[in-house]
Amino acid sequence: MSDRAAWISAGFVTAVLLGAPVVALALKLVTSATDRDAIKAFRDQGLRYGGLVIGALERCLVFTFVLRGEFQAIGLILAAKGLIRYAEIKDARDQKVAEYVLIGTMLSLLWAVGVALLVERGAPAG
């Protein structure tokens, strides 16, 4: 494996797999115990690991798009997620749930973009 491929592989693992605990920690810092009750009720309506899988897939796509220089494709991800999640967020009884989803999405995407840019800048030329 070339040095560049090793950098990209390590970056991919960092962006996709380590993104979930980083985002979870950040979300824990902005939510209180009472907020977490509303969020848990919201999350219990979906698949058991749905949010984790969606987040990992988003970070995978974003990481790939950044390395390919396809930044406009990230906008498509945001638009698609916004359309899909709109009704769900709109119908949330608690604004905290909507903010939780939005903050989590933004943090997840920022993490993937940041890791991809570090890899792009740090990896040896291929």
N, C-alpha and C. Protein backbone atom coordinates (compact mmCIF):
# COMPACT_ATOMS: atom_id res chain seq x y z
N MET A 1 0.85 -1.17 0.00
CA MET A 1 0.00 0.00 0.00
C MET A 1 0.90 1.24 0.00
N SER A 2 0.59 2.17 -0.88
CA SER A 2 1.37 3.40 -0.95
C SER A 2 1.09 4.28 0.28
N ASP A 3 1.98 5.25 0.49
CA ASP A 3 1.79 6.17 1.62
C ASP A 3 0.48 6.94 1.46
N ARG A 4 0.19 7.36 0.23
CA ARG A 4 -1.05 8.11 0.00
C ARG A 4 -2.27 7.26 0.31
N ALA A 5 -2.25 6.02 -0.13
CA ALA A 5 -3.38 5.12 0.13
C ALA A 5 -3.54 4.88 1.63
N ALA A 6 -2.44 4.79 2.34
CA ALA A 6 -2.49 4.61 3.80
C ALA A 6 -3.12 5.83 4.46
N TRP A 7 -2.74 7.02 4.01
CA TRP A 7 -3.32 8.26 4.55
C TRP A 7 -4.83 8.29 4.30
N ILE A 8 -5.22 7.95 3.08
CA ILE A 8 -6.64 7.99 2.72
C ILE A 8 -7.41 6.95 3.53
N SER A 9 -6.85 5.76 3.67
CA SER A 9 -7.52 4.72 4.45
C SER A 9 -7.68 5.13 5.91
N ALA A 10 -6.60 5.66 6.49
CA ALA A 10 -6.67 6.11 7.88
C ALA A 10 -7.66 7.26 8.03
N GLY A 11 -7.67 8.16 7.07
CA GLY A 11 -8.62 9.27 7.10
C GLY A 11 -10.06 8.79 6.98
N PHE A 12 -10.27 7.81 6.13
CA PHE A 12 -11.62 7.25 5.95
C PHE A 12 -12.12 6.66 7.27
N VAL A 13 -11.28 5.86 7.91
CA VAL A 13 -11.66 5.25 9.19
C VAL A 13 -11.93 6.33 10.23
N THR A 14 -11.05 7.33 10.26
CA THR A 14 -11.21 8.43 11.23
C THR A 14 -12.50 9.20 10.97
N ALA A 15 -12.75 9.53 9.72
CA ALA A 15 -13.95 10.31 9.37
C ALA A 15 -15.23 9.52 9.64
N VAL A 16 -15.26 8.29 9.17
CA VAL A 16 -16.51 7.52 9.22
C VAL A 16 -16.75 6.90 10.59
N LEU A 17 -15.77 6.19 11.11
CA LEU A 17 -15.99 5.45 12.35
C LEU A 17 -15.82 6.30 13.62
N LEU A 18 -14.85 7.19 13.62
CA LEU A 18 -14.64 8.00 14.82
C LEU A 18 -15.55 9.22 14.86
N GLY A 19 -16.23 9.49 13.76
CA GLY A 19 -17.15 10.62 13.74
C GLY A 19 -18.30 10.46 14.71
N ALA A 20 -18.82 9.24 14.84
CA ALA A 20 -19.98 9.01 15.72
C ALA A 20 -19.68 9.35 17.18
N PRO A 21 -18.58 8.83 17.75
CA PRO A 21 -18.33 9.19 19.15
C PRO A 21 -18.00 10.67 19.35
N VAL A 22 -17.35 11.28 18.36
CA VAL A 22 -17.05 12.72 18.47
C VAL A 22 -18.34 13.53 18.46
N VAL A 23 -19.23 13.21 17.55
CA VAL A 23 -20.52 13.92 17.46
C VAL A 23 -21.34 13.66 18.73
N ALA A 24 -21.36 12.41 19.19
CA ALA A 24 -22.12 12.08 20.40
C ALA A 24 -21.61 12.87 21.61
N LEU A 25 -20.30 12.99 21.74
CA LEU A 25 -19.73 13.75 22.85
C LEU A 25 -20.12 15.22 22.76
N ALA A 26 -20.01 15.78 21.56
CA ALA A 26 -20.36 17.19 21.37
C ALA A 26 -21.85 17.42 21.66
N LEU A 27 -22.70 16.50 21.22
CA LEU A 27 -24.14 16.65 21.49
C LEU A 27 -24.44 16.52 22.98
N LYS A 28 -23.68 15.69 23.66
CA LYS A 28 -23.88 15.55 25.10
C LYS A 28 -23.56 16.85 25.82
N LEU A 29 -22.61 17.59 25.28
CA LEU A 29 -22.23 18.86 25.90
C LEU A 29 -23.31 19.94 25.76
N VAL A 30 -24.15 19.82 24.74
CA VAL A 30 -25.17 20.85 24.51
C VAL A 30 -26.57 20.42 24.93
N THR A 31 -26.69 19.22 25.51
CA THR A 31 -28.01 18.75 25.95
C THR A 31 -27.99 18.48 27.45
N SER A 32 -29.15 18.70 28.06
CA SER A 32 -29.29 18.41 29.48
C SER A 32 -30.00 17.07 29.64
N ALA A 33 -30.14 16.62 30.87
CA ALA A 33 -30.83 15.35 31.14
C ALA A 33 -32.28 15.40 30.65
N THR A 34 -32.95 16.51 30.85
CA THR A 34 -34.35 16.62 30.39
C THR A 34 -34.43 16.66 28.86
N ASP A 35 -33.43 17.29 28.23
CA ASP A 35 -33.39 17.29 26.76
C ASP A 35 -33.26 15.85 26.25
N ARG A 36 -32.44 15.07 26.92
CA ARG A 36 -32.16 13.72 26.47
C ARG A 36 -33.40 12.83 26.53
N ASP A 37 -34.33 13.11 27.43
CA ASP A 37 -35.58 12.35 27.49
C ASP A 37 -36.39 12.55 26.21
N ALA A 38 -36.52 13.79 25.78
CA ALA A 38 -37.26 14.10 24.54
C ALA A 38 -36.54 13.50 23.33
N ILE A 39 -35.22 13.58 23.34
CA ILE A 39 -34.43 13.05 22.22
C ILE A 39 -34.54 11.53 22.17
N LYS A 40 -34.50 10.88 23.32
CA LYS A 40 -34.63 9.42 23.37
C LYS A 40 -35.99 8.99 22.83
N ALA A 41 -37.04 9.69 23.22
CA ALA A 41 -38.38 9.36 22.72
C ALA A 41 -38.44 9.50 21.20
N PHE A 42 -37.80 10.54 20.68
CA PHE A 42 -37.74 10.75 19.23
C PHE A 42 -36.97 9.62 18.55
N ARG A 43 -35.80 9.28 19.09
CA ARG A 43 -34.95 8.25 18.50
C ARG A 43 -35.59 6.88 18.57
N ASP A 44 -36.39 6.63 19.60
CA ASP A 44 -37.06 5.33 19.75
C ASP A 44 -38.09 5.07 18.66
N GLN A 45 -38.48 6.11 17.93
CA GLN A 45 -39.44 5.95 16.84
C GLN A 45 -38.78 5.37 15.59
N GLY A 46 -37.46 5.47 15.50
CA GLY A 46 -36.76 5.00 14.30
C GLY A 46 -36.11 3.65 14.50
N LEU A 47 -35.32 3.26 13.53
CA LEU A 47 -34.59 2.00 13.63
C LEU A 47 -33.57 2.07 14.76
N ARG A 48 -33.23 0.93 15.30
CA ARG A 48 -32.35 0.88 16.47
C ARG A 48 -31.04 1.63 16.26
N TYR A 49 -30.39 1.41 15.14
CA TYR A 49 -29.12 2.09 14.85
C TYR A 49 -29.22 2.96 13.60
N GLY A 50 -30.43 3.39 13.29
CA GLY A 50 -30.66 4.16 12.07
C GLY A 50 -29.82 5.42 12.00
N GLY A 51 -29.80 6.20 13.07
CA GLY A 51 -29.04 7.45 13.08
C GLY A 51 -27.55 7.22 12.92
N LEU A 52 -27.03 6.19 13.57
CA LEU A 52 -25.60 5.88 13.45
C LEU A 52 -25.23 5.49 12.02
N VAL A 53 -26.08 4.67 11.41
CA VAL A 53 -25.80 4.22 10.04
C VAL A 53 -25.92 5.39 9.06
N ILE A 54 -26.96 6.19 9.21
CA ILE A 54 -27.13 7.35 8.33
C ILE A 54 -25.94 8.30 8.47
N GLY A 55 -25.53 8.56 9.70
CA GLY A 55 -24.38 9.44 9.94
C GLY A 55 -23.10 8.89 9.32
N ALA A 56 -22.87 7.59 9.47
CA ALA A 56 -21.67 6.97 8.89
C ALA A 56 -21.70 7.06 7.36
N LEU A 57 -22.85 6.81 6.77
CA LEU A 57 -22.97 6.90 5.31
C LEU A 57 -22.76 8.33 4.82
N GLU A 58 -23.32 9.29 5.55
CA GLU A 58 -23.12 10.70 5.18
C GLU A 58 -21.64 11.07 5.24
N ARG A 59 -20.96 10.67 6.32
CA ARG A 59 -19.54 11.00 6.45
C ARG A 59 -18.71 10.29 5.38
N CYS A 60 -19.09 9.09 5.02
CA CYS A 60 -18.41 8.36 3.95
C CYS A 60 -18.53 9.13 2.63
N LEU A 61 -19.74 9.55 2.31
CA LEU A 61 -19.95 10.30 1.07
C LEU A 61 -19.23 11.64 1.09
N VAL A 62 -19.34 12.36 2.20
CA VAL A 62 -18.70 13.67 2.30
C VAL A 62 -17.19 13.54 2.18
N PHE A 63 -16.60 12.58 2.88
CA PHE A 63 -15.16 12.36 2.81
C PHE A 63 -14.74 12.11 1.37
N THR A 64 -15.47 11.25 0.69
CA THR A 64 -15.16 10.93 -0.71
C THR A 64 -15.32 12.15 -1.61
N PHE A 65 -16.41 12.89 -1.44
CA PHE A 65 -16.64 14.07 -2.27
C PHE A 65 -15.55 15.13 -2.08
N VAL A 66 -15.12 15.34 -0.85
CA VAL A 66 -14.07 16.33 -0.59
C VAL A 66 -12.77 15.91 -1.28
N LEU A 67 -12.40 14.65 -1.14
CA LEU A 67 -11.16 14.19 -1.78
C LEU A 67 -11.23 14.28 -3.30
N ARG A 68 -12.41 14.17 -3.85
CA ARG A 68 -12.57 14.28 -5.30
C ARG A 68 -12.81 15.72 -5.75
N GLY A 69 -12.91 16.63 -4.78
CA GLY A 69 -13.13 18.04 -5.12
C GLY A 69 -14.55 18.34 -5.53
N GLU A 70 -15.49 17.49 -5.17
CA GLU A 70 -16.90 17.63 -5.55
C GLU A 70 -17.69 18.26 -4.39
N PHE A 71 -17.32 19.46 -4.03
CA PHE A 71 -17.95 20.11 -2.88
C PHE A 71 -19.44 20.37 -3.09
N GLN A 72 -19.85 20.59 -4.32
CA GLN A 72 -21.26 20.85 -4.57
C GLN A 72 -22.12 19.63 -4.24
N ALA A 73 -21.55 18.46 -4.31
CA ALA A 73 -22.30 17.24 -3.98
C ALA A 73 -22.68 17.20 -2.50
N ILE A 74 -21.89 17.85 -1.67
CA ILE A 74 -22.21 17.92 -0.23
C ILE A 74 -23.52 18.69 -0.05
N GLY A 75 -23.72 19.70 -0.86
CA GLY A 75 -24.98 20.45 -0.82
C GLY A 75 -26.17 19.56 -1.16
N LEU A 76 -25.96 18.62 -2.07
CA LEU A 76 -27.04 17.69 -2.42
C LEU A 76 -27.39 16.80 -1.23
N ILE A 77 -26.38 16.38 -0.48
CA ILE A 77 -26.62 15.56 0.71
C ILE A 77 -27.45 16.35 1.72
N LEU A 78 -27.05 17.59 1.94
CA LEU A 78 -27.79 18.44 2.89
C LEU A 78 -29.23 18.66 2.42
N ALA A 79 -29.40 18.92 1.14
CA ALA A 79 -30.74 19.15 0.60
C ALA A 79 -31.60 17.89 0.73
N ALA A 80 -31.03 16.75 0.38
CA ALA A 80 -31.78 15.49 0.47
C ALA A 80 -32.16 15.19 1.91
N LYS A 81 -31.21 15.36 2.81
CA LYS A 81 -31.52 15.08 4.22
C LYS A 81 -32.56 16.07 4.74
N GLY A 82 -32.45 17.30 4.33
CA GLY A 82 -33.44 18.29 4.75
C GLY A 82 -34.84 17.93 4.28
N LEU A 83 -34.95 17.48 3.04
CA LEU A 83 -36.26 17.07 2.51
C LEU A 83 -36.80 15.85 3.24
N ILE A 84 -35.93 14.89 3.49
CA ILE A 84 -36.36 13.66 4.13
C ILE A 84 -36.73 13.90 5.59
N ARG A 85 -35.95 14.70 6.28
CA ARG A 85 -36.16 14.94 7.71
C ARG A 85 -37.13 16.07 8.00
N TYR A 86 -37.52 16.83 6.99
CA TYR A 86 -38.34 18.02 7.25
C TYR A 86 -39.62 17.69 8.02
N ALA A 87 -40.39 16.74 7.51
CA ALA A 87 -41.67 16.42 8.16
C ALA A 87 -41.45 15.92 9.58
N GLU A 88 -40.44 15.12 9.73
CA GLU A 88 -40.11 14.55 11.04
C GLU A 88 -39.74 15.65 12.05
N ILE A 89 -38.93 16.58 11.60
CA ILE A 89 -38.52 17.68 12.48
C ILE A 89 -39.69 18.64 12.72
N LYS A 90 -40.45 18.90 11.65
CA LYS A 90 -41.59 19.82 11.76
C LYS A 90 -42.62 19.30 12.75
N ASP A 91 -42.81 17.98 12.75
CA ASP A 91 -43.81 17.38 13.64
C ASP A 91 -43.28 17.11 15.04
N ALA A 92 -42.01 17.35 15.26
CA ALA A 92 -41.45 17.14 16.60
C ALA A 92 -42.15 18.10 17.56
N ARG A 93 -42.54 17.56 18.69
CA ARG A 93 -43.25 18.38 19.67
C ARG A 93 -42.31 19.32 20.41
N ASP A 94 -41.06 19.04 20.27
CA ASP A 94 -40.08 19.78 21.05
C ASP A 94 -39.01 20.36 20.12
N GLN A 95 -38.79 21.64 20.22
CA GLN A 95 -37.77 22.29 19.39
C GLN A 95 -36.40 21.68 19.66
N LYS A 96 -36.19 21.15 20.85
CA LYS A 96 -34.91 20.55 21.21
C LYS A 96 -34.56 19.40 20.27
N VAL A 97 -35.57 18.64 19.87
CA VAL A 97 -35.33 17.51 18.97
C VAL A 97 -34.87 18.01 17.61
N ALA A 98 -35.52 19.03 17.10
CA ALA A 98 -35.14 19.60 15.81
C ALA A 98 -33.71 20.14 15.86
N GLU A 99 -33.39 20.85 16.94
CA GLU A 99 -32.04 21.39 17.08
C GLU A 99 -31.02 20.27 17.23
N TYR A 100 -31.37 19.23 17.94
CA TYR A 100 -30.49 18.07 18.11
C TYR A 100 -30.13 17.45 16.75
N VAL A 101 -31.15 17.25 15.91
CA VAL A 101 -30.93 16.67 14.58
C VAL A 101 -30.04 17.59 13.74
N LEU A 102 -30.34 18.89 13.75
CA LEU A 102 -29.56 19.83 12.94
C LEU A 102 -28.12 19.95 13.43
N ILE A 103 -27.95 20.05 14.74
CA ILE A 103 -26.59 20.15 15.28
C ILE A 103 -25.80 18.88 14.98
N GLY A 104 -26.43 17.74 15.16
CA GLY A 104 -25.76 16.47 14.87
C GLY A 104 -25.35 16.36 13.41
N THR A 105 -26.21 16.75 12.52
CA THR A 105 -25.90 16.72 11.08
C THR A 105 -24.72 17.64 10.75
N MET A 106 -24.80 18.87 11.25
CA MET A 106 -23.72 19.83 10.96
C MET A 106 -22.38 19.37 11.54
N LEU A 107 -22.39 18.88 12.76
CA LEU A 107 -21.15 18.40 13.37
C LEU A 107 -20.58 17.23 12.59
N SER A 108 -21.44 16.32 12.20
CA SER A 108 -21.00 15.14 11.45
C SER A 108 -20.36 15.53 10.12
N LEU A 109 -21.01 16.44 9.41
CA LEU A 109 -20.48 16.88 8.13
C LEU A 109 -19.19 17.67 8.30
N LEU A 110 -19.15 18.53 9.31
CA LEU A 110 -17.91 19.28 9.58
C LEU A 110 -16.75 18.35 9.91
N TRP A 111 -17.03 17.33 10.69
CA TRP A 111 -15.99 16.35 11.04
C TRP A 111 -15.44 15.69 9.76
N ALA A 112 -16.33 15.23 8.89
CA ALA A 112 -15.90 14.55 7.67
C ALA A 112 -15.13 15.49 6.75
N VAL A 113 -15.61 16.71 6.60
CA VAL A 113 -14.91 17.69 5.75
C VAL A 113 -13.53 17.99 6.34
N GLY A 114 -13.47 18.20 7.64
CA GLY A 114 -12.19 18.51 8.29
C GLY A 114 -11.18 17.40 8.14
N VAL A 115 -11.60 16.17 8.37
CA VAL A 115 -10.69 15.03 8.23
C VAL A 115 -10.24 14.91 6.78
N ALA A 116 -11.16 15.04 5.85
CA ALA A 116 -10.81 14.92 4.43
C ALA A 116 -9.82 16.01 4.00
N LEU A 117 -10.03 17.22 4.47
CA LEU A 117 -9.09 18.30 4.13
C LEU A 117 -7.72 18.06 4.73
N LEU A 118 -7.67 17.54 5.95
CA LEU A 118 -6.37 17.21 6.56
C LEU A 118 -5.66 16.12 5.75
N VAL A 119 -6.41 15.12 5.33
CA VAL A 119 -5.82 14.05 4.51
C VAL A 119 -5.34 14.61 3.19
N GLU A 120 -6.17 15.42 2.56
CA GLU A 120 -5.81 16.01 1.26
C GLU A 120 -4.53 16.84 1.35
N ARG A 121 -4.42 17.61 2.42
CA ARG A 121 -3.24 18.48 2.60
C ARG A 121 -2.02 17.71 3.07
N GLY A 122 -2.23 16.65 3.86
CA GLY A 122 -1.12 15.95 4.48
C GLY A 122 -0.60 14.75 3.72
N ALA A 123 -1.45 14.14 2.90
CA ALA A 123 -1.04 12.93 2.20
C ALA A 123 -0.01 13.25 1.13
N PRO A 124 0.99 12.38 0.99
CA PRO A 124 1.97 12.59 -0.08
C PRO A 124 1.30 12.51 -1.45
N ALA A 125 1.88 13.19 -2.40
CA ALA A 125 1.33 13.19 -3.76
C ALA A 125 1.32 11.77 -4.29
N GLY A 126 0.25 11.47 -5.01
CA GLY A 126 0.08 10.11 -5.52
C GLY A 126 0.63 9.98 -6.88
